[in-house]
Protein backbone atom coordinates (compact mmCIF):
# COMPACT_ATOMS: atom_id res chain seq x y z
CA MET A 1 38.24 64.58 -3.38
CA ASN A 2 38.54 60.84 -2.52
CA LYS A 3 37.21 61.32 1.15
CA TYR A 4 35.59 58.46 3.12
CA SER A 5 34.70 58.03 6.75
CA VAL A 6 36.35 54.75 6.85
CA ALA A 7 39.09 53.07 4.64
CA VAL A 8 39.66 49.33 4.86
CA ILE A 9 43.09 48.13 3.66
CA GLY A 10 42.61 44.44 2.74
CA GLY A 11 39.52 42.68 1.16
CA GLY A 12 39.86 39.35 2.90
CA PRO A 13 37.46 37.66 5.30
CA GLY A 14 38.19 40.38 7.84
CA GLY A 15 38.24 43.47 5.67
CA TYR A 16 35.38 42.69 3.24
CA VAL A 17 32.98 41.51 6.03
CA ALA A 18 33.79 44.72 8.12
CA ALA A 19 33.10 46.89 4.87
CA ILE A 20 29.72 45.18 4.34
CA ARG A 21 28.53 45.51 7.97
CA LEU A 22 29.70 49.31 7.92
CA LYS A 23 27.76 49.88 4.78
CA GLN A 24 24.68 48.08 6.42
CA TYR A 25 25.11 50.78 9.19
CA GLU A 26 25.20 53.43 6.48
CA ILE A 27 28.81 54.46 7.16
CA ASP A 28 30.76 55.63 4.17
CA VAL A 29 33.52 53.08 3.47
CA VAL A 30 36.11 52.28 0.90
CA VAL A 31 38.25 49.08 0.46
CA PHE A 32 41.63 48.62 -1.04
CA GLU A 33 42.48 45.27 -2.32
CA LYS A 34 45.11 44.71 -5.03
CA GLU A 35 43.78 41.20 -6.03
CA ARG A 36 40.12 40.01 -6.07
CA LEU A 37 38.05 40.12 -2.86
CA GLY A 38 37.94 37.28 -0.48
CA GLY A 39 41.83 37.46 0.51
CA VAL A 40 43.76 34.24 0.89
CA CYS A 41 40.81 32.41 2.40
CA LEU A 42 38.28 32.48 -0.52
CA ASN A 43 40.94 32.67 -3.35
CA HIS A 44 44.17 30.64 -2.24
CA GLY A 45 43.21 28.81 0.96
CA CYS A 46 40.11 27.68 2.76
CA ILE A 47 37.78 27.44 -0.24
CA PRO A 48 39.93 25.95 -2.84
CA THR A 49 41.40 23.52 -0.41
CA LYS A 50 37.93 22.39 0.71
CA ALA A 51 36.95 21.90 -2.92
CA LEU A 52 39.96 19.53 -3.39
CA VAL A 53 39.00 17.77 0.02
CA LYS A 54 35.58 16.81 -1.63
CA ASN A 55 37.29 15.25 -4.59
CA ALA A 56 39.74 13.32 -2.31
CA ASP A 57 37.04 12.15 -0.04
CA LEU A 58 35.00 10.91 -3.02
CA ILE A 59 37.95 8.89 -4.34
CA SER A 60 38.40 7.34 -1.00
CA GLU A 61 34.79 6.42 -0.84
CA PHE A 62 34.88 4.85 -4.45
CA LYS A 63 37.91 2.78 -3.54
CA ASP A 64 36.10 1.52 -0.43
CA ALA A 65 32.72 1.08 -2.18
CA GLY A 66 33.15 -2.77 -2.05
CA LYS A 67 32.23 -2.95 1.56
CA PHE A 68 28.74 -1.34 0.54
CA GLY A 69 28.29 -3.97 -2.13
CA ILE A 70 29.10 -1.59 -5.02
CA THR A 71 31.80 -2.66 -7.50
CA ILE A 72 33.54 0.30 -9.36
CA ASP A 73 36.01 -0.92 -12.04
CA ASP A 74 38.66 1.03 -13.77
CA LEU A 75 38.57 4.28 -11.50
CA LYS A 76 40.23 7.26 -13.18
CA ILE A 77 41.29 10.51 -12.02
CA ASP A 78 41.51 13.61 -14.31
CA TYR A 79 43.07 16.07 -12.15
CA ARG A 80 42.78 18.83 -14.79
CA LYS A 81 38.92 18.63 -14.38
CA ILE A 82 39.42 18.67 -10.54
CA PHE A 83 41.71 21.63 -10.91
CA GLU A 84 39.02 23.32 -13.08
CA ARG A 85 36.14 22.54 -10.63
CA LYS A 86 38.15 23.97 -7.71
CA ASN A 87 38.63 27.09 -9.76
CA GLU A 88 34.90 27.36 -10.62
CA VAL A 89 33.88 26.99 -6.85
CA VAL A 90 36.42 29.86 -5.98
CA ASN A 91 35.16 32.04 -8.77
CA LYS A 92 31.52 31.66 -7.85
CA LEU A 93 32.09 32.43 -4.23
CA VAL A 94 34.28 35.52 -4.95
CA SER A 95 31.94 36.73 -7.69
CA GLY A 96 29.24 36.60 -5.13
CA VAL A 97 31.23 38.88 -2.82
CA GLU A 98 32.05 41.29 -5.61
CA PHE A 99 28.30 41.29 -6.53
CA ILE A 100 27.42 42.24 -3.04
CA PHE A 101 29.87 45.17 -3.08
CA LYS A 102 28.44 46.33 -6.51
CA LYS A 103 24.86 46.14 -5.26
CA ARG A 104 25.63 47.88 -1.99
CA LYS A 105 27.76 50.46 -3.88
CA ILE A 106 30.92 49.85 -1.79
CA PRO A 107 33.94 51.38 -3.63
CA LEU A 108 36.67 48.93 -4.38
CA ILE A 109 40.18 50.20 -5.12
CA ASN A 110 42.11 47.41 -6.92
CA GLU A 111 45.41 48.88 -5.92
CA GLU A 112 48.11 48.27 -3.22
CA VAL A 113 48.42 50.85 -0.54
CA LYS A 114 51.83 52.22 -0.37
CA SER A 115 51.78 54.51 2.71
CA ILE A 116 49.46 55.98 5.26
CA VAL A 117 50.15 59.14 6.86
CA LYS A 118 48.27 60.88 9.76
CA ASN A 119 47.39 64.48 9.12
CA GLY A 120 45.50 65.95 11.96
CA ASP A 121 42.30 63.92 12.20
CA VAL A 122 42.53 62.70 8.63
CA PHE A 123 44.55 59.86 7.09
CA GLU A 124 46.17 60.04 3.79
CA ILE A 125 46.25 56.81 2.00
CA LYS A 126 48.42 56.77 -1.11
CA THR A 127 48.64 54.15 -3.91
CA LEU A 128 50.91 54.25 -6.99
CA THR A 129 48.20 56.34 -8.78
CA ASP A 130 46.28 58.40 -6.40
CA THR A 131 45.69 59.74 -2.71
CA TYR A 132 42.57 59.02 -0.72
CA TYR A 133 41.45 60.52 2.66
CA ALA A 134 39.63 58.77 5.69
CA ASN A 135 38.72 59.66 9.23
CA TYR A 136 39.20 55.81 10.26
CA VAL A 137 41.38 53.17 8.97
CA ILE A 138 41.00 49.47 9.44
CA LEU A 139 44.21 47.52 8.52
CA ALA A 140 43.22 43.96 7.26
CA THR A 141 46.30 42.89 5.02
CA GLY A 142 46.47 39.34 6.27
CA SER A 143 49.52 37.05 6.08
CA LEU A 144 51.91 35.08 3.75
CA PRO A 145 53.41 31.68 3.92
CA LYS A 146 56.70 31.54 5.83
CA GLU A 147 59.91 30.36 4.28
CA LEU A 148 62.93 28.77 6.08
CA PRO A 149 66.54 30.20 5.72
CA ASP A 150 67.76 27.17 3.67
CA LEU A 151 64.51 26.32 2.10
CA LYS A 152 62.74 29.08 -0.08
CA PHE A 153 59.78 28.91 -2.37
CA ASP A 154 60.56 28.68 -6.05
CA GLY A 155 57.07 27.92 -7.35
CA LYS A 156 58.23 24.75 -9.18
CA ASN A 157 60.04 22.43 -6.67
CA ILE A 158 59.66 24.10 -3.39
CA LEU A 159 55.89 25.07 -3.08
CA SER A 160 53.92 27.31 -0.70
CA SER A 161 50.40 26.52 0.21
CA ARG A 162 49.34 28.91 -2.61
CA ASP A 163 51.73 27.39 -5.16
CA ILE A 164 50.38 23.84 -4.67
CA LEU A 165 46.87 25.01 -5.55
CA GLN A 166 48.23 25.94 -8.92
CA ILE A 167 49.87 22.72 -9.98
CA THR A 168 47.87 20.86 -12.86
CA GLU A 169 49.21 17.37 -12.27
CA ILE A 170 49.27 15.08 -9.28
CA PRO A 171 52.78 14.64 -8.16
CA LYS A 172 53.93 11.01 -7.61
CA ARG A 173 55.90 11.91 -4.60
CA LEU A 174 55.36 14.63 -2.13
CA VAL A 175 57.27 15.57 0.93
CA VAL A 176 55.45 18.05 3.32
CA VAL A 177 57.61 19.96 5.53
CA GLY A 178 55.63 21.05 8.46
CA GLY A 179 52.91 18.99 10.27
CA GLY A 180 50.49 21.62 11.14
CA VAL A 181 46.95 22.09 10.07
CA ILE A 182 47.72 23.27 6.35
CA GLY A 183 50.58 20.52 5.91
CA CYS A 184 48.43 17.75 7.24
CA GLU A 185 45.47 18.75 5.06
CA PHE A 186 47.56 18.72 1.89
CA ALA A 187 49.14 15.47 2.98
CA SER A 188 45.77 13.88 3.29
CA ILE A 189 44.22 15.32 0.09
CA PHE A 190 47.29 14.12 -2.17
CA ASN A 191 47.46 10.82 -0.32
CA GLN A 192 43.89 10.04 -1.29
CA LEU A 193 44.68 11.27 -4.91
CA GLY A 194 47.51 8.61 -5.07
CA THR A 195 50.39 10.54 -4.23
CA GLU A 196 53.23 8.93 -2.15
CA VAL A 197 53.31 11.36 0.85
CA GLN A 198 55.66 11.88 3.68
CA ILE A 199 55.43 14.61 6.37
CA VAL A 200 58.56 16.08 8.12
CA GLU A 201 57.78 17.80 11.52
CA PHE A 202 60.25 19.39 13.81
CA LEU A 203 57.95 19.04 16.82
CA PRO A 204 57.24 15.60 18.58
CA LYS A 205 53.53 15.61 17.35
CA LEU A 206 51.29 16.61 14.53
CA ILE A 207 49.28 19.84 14.86
CA PHE A 208 50.92 20.69 18.13
CA ASN A 209 48.22 22.74 19.54
CA GLU A 210 45.63 20.06 19.36
CA ASP A 211 44.66 17.80 22.35
CA GLU A 212 47.23 15.15 22.78
CA GLU A 213 44.75 12.39 22.01
CA ILE A 214 43.56 13.91 18.85
CA SER A 215 47.17 14.36 17.66
CA LYS A 216 47.90 10.77 18.40
CA ARG A 217 44.79 9.54 16.67
CA LEU A 218 45.32 11.69 13.58
CA ALA A 219 49.03 10.30 13.30
CA MET A 220 47.51 6.84 13.60
CA ALA A 221 45.04 7.36 10.93
CA LEU A 222 47.69 9.05 8.55
CA LYS A 223 49.91 6.20 9.13
CA LYS A 224 47.22 3.71 8.25
CA ALA A 225 46.57 5.57 5.10
CA GLY A 226 50.14 5.19 3.99
CA ILE A 227 51.54 8.55 4.81
CA LYS A 228 55.03 8.27 6.42
CA LEU A 229 55.69 10.51 9.42
CA HIS A 230 59.03 11.87 10.60
CA LEU A 231 58.50 13.66 13.79
CA LYS A 232 61.29 15.44 15.58
CA SER A 233 62.92 15.98 12.38
CA TYR A 234 64.01 18.82 9.99
CA VAL A 235 65.47 19.11 6.55
CA GLU A 236 69.24 19.47 6.80
CA ASN A 237 69.79 20.05 3.00
CA TYR A 238 68.31 19.15 -0.41
CA GLU A 239 69.41 18.77 -3.96
CA ILE A 240 67.29 19.09 -7.18
CA THR A 241 68.31 16.41 -9.56
CA SER A 242 66.98 15.17 -13.06
CA ASP A 243 64.97 12.52 -11.10
CA GLY A 244 63.31 14.88 -8.63
CA ILE A 245 64.47 16.22 -5.28
CA LYS A 246 66.96 14.44 -2.82
CA ILE A 247 66.10 15.39 0.82
CA ARG A 248 68.47 14.64 3.66
CA LEU A 249 67.04 14.93 7.37
CA ASN A 250 68.90 15.85 10.37
CA ASN A 251 68.91 12.22 11.39
CA GLY A 252 70.57 11.05 8.33
CA LYS A 253 67.32 9.61 6.62
CA GLU A 254 67.09 10.42 2.89
CA LEU A 255 63.81 11.17 1.22
CA ASP A 256 62.84 11.33 -2.45
CA ALA A 257 60.21 13.72 -3.87
CA ASP A 258 58.88 15.32 -7.06
CA LYS A 259 57.70 18.26 -4.98
CA ILE A 260 58.22 19.70 -1.52
CA LEU A 261 55.36 21.66 0.12
CA LEU A 262 56.76 24.00 2.76
CA SER A 263 54.17 24.53 5.31
CA VAL A 264 55.86 25.91 8.47
CA GLY A 265 53.43 28.79 9.43
CA ARG A 266 52.60 32.14 8.33
CA ILE A 267 53.99 35.74 8.63
CA PRO A 268 52.12 39.06 8.78
CA HIS A 269 51.70 40.86 5.47
CA HIS A 270 52.15 44.60 5.40
CA SER A 271 53.73 46.25 2.42
CA PHE A 272 52.52 49.66 3.27
CA GLN A 273 54.55 52.33 5.28
CA PHE A 274 53.00 53.58 8.54
CA GLU A 275 55.77 54.65 10.78
CA GLU A 276 53.60 55.60 13.87
CA LEU A 277 52.38 52.13 14.27
CA ASP A 278 53.53 49.89 17.12
CA TRP A 279 54.49 46.32 16.16
CA THR A 280 55.42 43.24 18.08
CA ASP A 281 58.86 41.70 17.78
CA LYS A 282 57.41 39.12 15.38
CA GLY A 283 56.00 41.81 12.96
CA PHE A 284 52.38 41.91 14.13
CA VAL A 285 50.34 45.12 14.78
CA LYS A 286 49.72 45.66 18.47
CA VAL A 287 45.99 46.39 19.22
CA ASN A 288 43.87 46.71 22.40
CA ASP A 289 40.63 44.80 23.19
CA LYS A 290 38.80 46.97 20.60
CA PHE A 291 41.40 46.19 18.11
CA GLU A 292 42.52 49.78 18.10
CA THR A 293 46.20 50.24 17.34
CA SER A 294 48.71 52.54 19.15
CA ILE A 295 47.24 55.32 16.74
CA LYS A 296 43.67 56.73 17.69
CA ASN A 297 41.12 55.75 14.96
CA VAL A 298 43.35 53.14 13.42
CA PHE A 299 42.30 49.56 13.81
CA ALA A 300 43.82 46.30 12.77
CA ILE A 301 42.07 42.89 12.43
CA GLY A 302 42.87 39.38 11.28
CA ASP A 303 46.17 37.73 10.68
CA ILE A 304 48.09 40.98 10.81
CA THR A 305 47.20 41.02 14.51
CA GLY A 306 48.77 37.53 15.17
CA LYS A 307 45.86 36.80 17.57
CA MET A 308 44.43 33.62 15.70
CA MET A 309 45.07 32.96 12.11
CA LEU A 310 41.71 31.79 11.11
CA ALA A 311 39.29 33.42 8.67
CA HIS A 312 36.23 33.21 11.06
CA THR A 313 38.47 35.03 13.68
CA ALA A 314 39.18 37.83 11.20
CA SER A 315 35.48 38.16 10.38
CA LYS A 316 34.54 38.28 13.97
CA GLN A 317 36.99 40.90 14.76
CA GLY A 318 35.94 42.95 11.59
CA LEU A 319 32.19 42.82 12.87
CA SER A 320 33.44 44.00 16.42
CA VAL A 321 35.29 46.93 14.69
CA ALA A 322 32.22 47.79 12.68
CA ASP A 323 30.06 47.84 15.73
CA GLU A 324 32.53 50.10 17.56
CA LEU A 325 32.67 52.52 14.63
CA ASP A 326 28.74 52.55 14.57
CA ASN A 327 28.92 53.49 18.25
CA ARG A 328 31.33 56.37 17.51
CA LEU A 329 29.98 57.65 14.38
CA ASN A 330 26.10 57.18 14.75
CA ASN A 331 25.84 57.29 18.48
CA LYS A 332 24.83 53.65 18.64
CA HIS A 333 25.07 51.46 21.87
CA HIS A 334 26.25 47.99 20.63
CA GLN A 335 27.54 45.94 23.42
CA ILE A 336 31.02 44.75 22.39
CA SER A 337 32.32 41.83 24.32
CA GLN A 338 35.97 40.79 24.46
CA ILE A 339 36.63 37.90 22.23
CA LYS A 340 37.64 34.66 23.89
CA TYR A 341 39.99 33.02 21.49
CA GLU A 342 40.04 29.70 23.22
CA ASN A 343 36.29 29.48 22.49
CA ILE A 344 36.73 29.87 18.74
CA PRO A 345 36.35 26.65 16.93
CA ARG A 346 39.28 25.12 14.94
CA CYS A 347 38.76 22.85 12.01
CA THR A 348 41.18 20.67 10.23
CA PHE A 349 39.96 19.01 7.07
CA THR A 350 42.09 15.89 7.07
CA ASN A 351 40.76 12.39 6.63
CA PRO A 352 39.62 11.96 9.32
CA GLU A 353 38.31 15.41 10.06
CA ILE A 354 39.16 17.26 13.35
CA GLY A 355 37.20 19.81 15.21
CA SER A 356 38.24 21.47 18.45
CA VAL A 357 36.91 24.25 20.73
CA GLY A 358 37.80 25.43 24.19
CA LEU A 359 40.67 24.06 26.27
CA THR A 360 42.67 20.92 25.80
CA GLU A 361 43.04 18.46 28.61
CA VAL A 362 46.54 19.69 29.37
CA GLU A 363 45.52 23.36 29.40
CA ALA A 364 42.32 22.68 31.57
CA LYS A 365 44.50 20.86 34.25
CA GLU A 366 46.70 23.77 34.30
CA LEU A 367 43.82 26.25 35.00
CA PHE A 368 41.43 24.17 37.29
CA ASP A 369 41.89 22.22 40.46
CA GLU A 370 39.76 19.42 38.99
CA ILE A 371 38.42 18.36 35.50
CA ILE A 372 36.26 15.55 34.29
CA VAL A 373 36.59 14.02 30.89
CA GLY A 374 34.02 12.28 28.98
CA LYS A 375 34.43 10.25 25.66
CA PHE A 376 32.50 8.49 23.16
CA PRO A 377 33.57 6.60 20.14
CA PHE A 378 31.96 6.74 16.64
CA SER A 379 32.14 3.12 16.48
CA ALA A 380 29.15 2.89 19.00
CA ASN A 381 27.02 5.38 16.92
CA GLY A 382 24.39 4.10 14.62
CA LYS A 383 24.74 6.77 11.98
CA ALA A 384 28.50 6.47 11.78
CA LEU A 385 28.09 2.65 11.43
CA GLY A 386 25.70 3.27 8.54
CA LEU A 387 28.01 5.81 6.88
CA GLY A 388 30.89 3.31 7.22
CA GLU A 389 32.92 5.91 9.27
CA THR A 390 33.54 4.74 12.71
CA PHE A 391 37.09 6.02 13.29
CA GLY A 392 37.46 8.41 16.11
CA PHE A 393 35.66 9.77 19.07
CA VAL A 394 34.17 12.91 20.78
CA LYS A 395 35.99 14.14 23.89
CA VAL A 396 34.53 16.56 26.31
CA ILE A 397 36.07 18.32 29.24
CA ALA A 398 34.28 19.98 32.12
CA GLU A 399 35.43 21.72 35.32
CA LYS A 400 34.26 19.39 38.21
CA LYS A 401 33.21 22.11 40.52
CA SER A 402 31.05 24.29 38.27
CA GLN A 403 30.23 21.38 35.89
CA LYS A 404 30.77 23.86 33.13
CA ILE A 405 31.78 22.42 29.68
CA ILE A 406 35.19 23.95 28.80
CA GLY A 407 36.60 21.94 25.96
CA MET A 408 35.37 19.77 23.20
CA HIS A 409 37.63 17.89 20.70
CA ILE A 410 36.37 15.62 17.78
CA ILE A 411 38.13 13.37 15.37
CA GLY A 412 36.09 11.45 12.86
CA PRO A 413 33.16 11.92 10.43
CA GLN A 414 31.91 15.41 10.07
CA ALA A 415 34.01 16.69 12.94
CA THR A 416 34.13 20.15 11.55
CA GLU A 417 30.32 20.49 11.42
CA LEU A 418 29.77 18.83 14.80
CA ILE A 419 32.12 21.15 16.64
CA ALA A 420 29.64 23.90 16.18
CA GLN A 421 27.66 22.20 19.05
CA GLY A 422 30.77 22.71 21.39
CA ALA A 423 31.16 26.23 20.35
CA ILE A 424 27.67 27.05 21.37
CA LEU A 425 27.75 24.95 24.54
CA ILE A 426 31.15 26.50 25.60
CA GLY A 427 30.34 29.97 24.33
CA THR A 428 27.01 30.15 26.41
CA GLU A 429 29.06 28.73 29.45
CA SER A 430 26.66 25.77 29.51
CA THR A 431 26.77 23.05 32.27
CA ILE A 432 26.20 19.24 32.15
CA GLU A 433 22.88 19.81 33.68
CA ASN A 434 21.84 22.43 30.86
CA VAL A 435 22.59 19.70 28.32
CA LYS A 436 20.27 17.37 29.90
CA ASN A 437 17.41 19.65 28.72
CA ILE A 438 18.46 19.13 25.16
CA VAL A 439 17.09 16.34 22.87
CA PHE A 440 19.47 15.11 20.29
CA ALA A 441 18.00 13.71 17.13
CA HIS A 442 18.42 10.09 16.31
CA PRO A 443 19.93 8.57 14.39
CA THR A 444 22.67 11.30 13.88
CA LEU A 445 26.33 11.77 14.63
CA SER A 446 25.47 14.59 17.11
CA GLU A 447 24.40 11.65 19.37
CA SER A 448 28.05 10.98 19.98
CA THR A 449 28.22 14.72 21.61
CA MET A 450 25.39 13.93 23.75
CA GLU A 451 26.95 10.64 24.99
CA ALA A 452 30.39 12.11 25.50
CA ILE A 453 28.84 14.70 27.82
CA GLU A 454 26.78 12.04 29.59
CA ASP A 455 29.99 10.14 30.03
CA LEU A 456 31.26 12.98 32.21
CA GLU A 457 29.06 11.46 34.74
CA LYS A 458 29.67 7.92 33.60
CA LEU A 459 26.14 7.81 32.31
CA ALA A 460 26.61 7.22 28.50
CA ILE A 461 23.91 4.58 27.60
CA HIS A 462 25.79 3.12 24.78
CA LYS A 463 29.24 2.83 26.15
CA ILE A 464 30.46 0.14 28.40
C-alpha cells in the first residue's frame, strides 16, 4: 500500500525544502509534483530571470566600458545563446535538487493530485492513476500569474511572466502592464537588451509596497535608462494588427508594441478538490501561526497561504512545519517562533537593484511615536566609485526611544546582497549601540550601511 507519514503536495521552494528537512528528521515523506522539482521559482521565475539579469547587466557594462578606458567595438547580442544559457542554469540547479531527492530516497510522484479526502486519521490522496495515503498533508501548490478580464494570456502577443521566459527573440517594443516587482524586473532586463520598453501602472508609483523614496528613485533610474512610465493608467483596449499591437490607455494615449507582458500579480493555484478546507475570499488557504489549516494535520505553506509571495518565505514556512511535525512524530522540542513577515527581506533585481527589510518610513511613523532616519549615498562610498556604480543610497529607520533598527531600504549596487545585513540587524532586534561594536571592512559597499546607521545620530564620517 502507498502509505506515508507525510504527503507534500507541490515540489516548489516550500514543498521540496520541507520534504528534505523531514527526511533529515527520519520522517517518511512523499512529494507530488506534476512538473520538475523547484516549482515556479527554479523553473519559471527567480532563477531563469536572474540568469537574464546577468546578461543584461553585462551588456550595460560593455556599453559603458569607455569610462574605464576600454573600447568595445561592434557589440553583438545573440539572444538564442542567452536563452540557452538561461536554460542551462535552470537545468543545473533543478537537477541538483532532483539528485538530492534521489540520494535521500525521497519518493517523487510526477502526477497532479486530483483530490484529497479525510478518512478517519488518514488522508486519501488521489491522482489520475493511483491512490496514496498519509497521516499528515502539506499543501504547497504555489500560485499562477493573474489575468485581467479584458487582457488574457495567449502565449504569443499577451505574455505571462512564464511565457516571456520562453521567447527566443528580443522584441523591438515591449509594453509591461503592471509596475510591480516582476514587471519592473523584466522592463529593466529588456531595456538593457535594447528593447523599447514602456510600463503601464494603475497605481501612482512603481512597486507600491516599497518605501516612497525608493520608488521615486527607481522611477528616476528607469526613465533615465529610456523606459517610458505611464502611472495612474490602465489599458482600456487593444488591437492586434499586422504591425504588432495597438494599445489605448484610459487617458487617451496610444502605445505600440510587439509584445505585452501582463504582470499584475499572482493568484493561488489549487487544482485539487478538498472540500473541508477553509479558504479566504481571495482563494487562499486559511492557516494558523503553525501553518495548520482548518483540518487537523493538514498544513499549507507558500503562495497558497497568501502571506508573502516570496520563495524564501515559502522555504522558511516549510522548515517551520517540518519542525512542528518532528515535535509531533518524534517527540522533539524544536522552539518554533512566529514568522515576522515584515522582517523578511525583499529583493528586486532591476538596474539599479533594490533590497528592503522591515518597515517603510510611512509604516514606522504609523506604529511609533518618534522615529529617526539615516541615509548614506553610494556616491560617497569608495568601492562604489571604483565600480562606477554610484547611483542610490542606503536608508535606515530606527525607533527613537528604544534605538532599535526597524527598517532598511537600499537602492543601488548589490542592494540584494547588502540587505542581508539589514535582515540580521532587524531580526536580532539590534540597536544603534550594538552596531557600534561591529567593524565593517574597507573598502566595501557595506560601509554605506554602517554610515547610514551612523547618520541616525548625525555622525556619519563621510557625509556632509
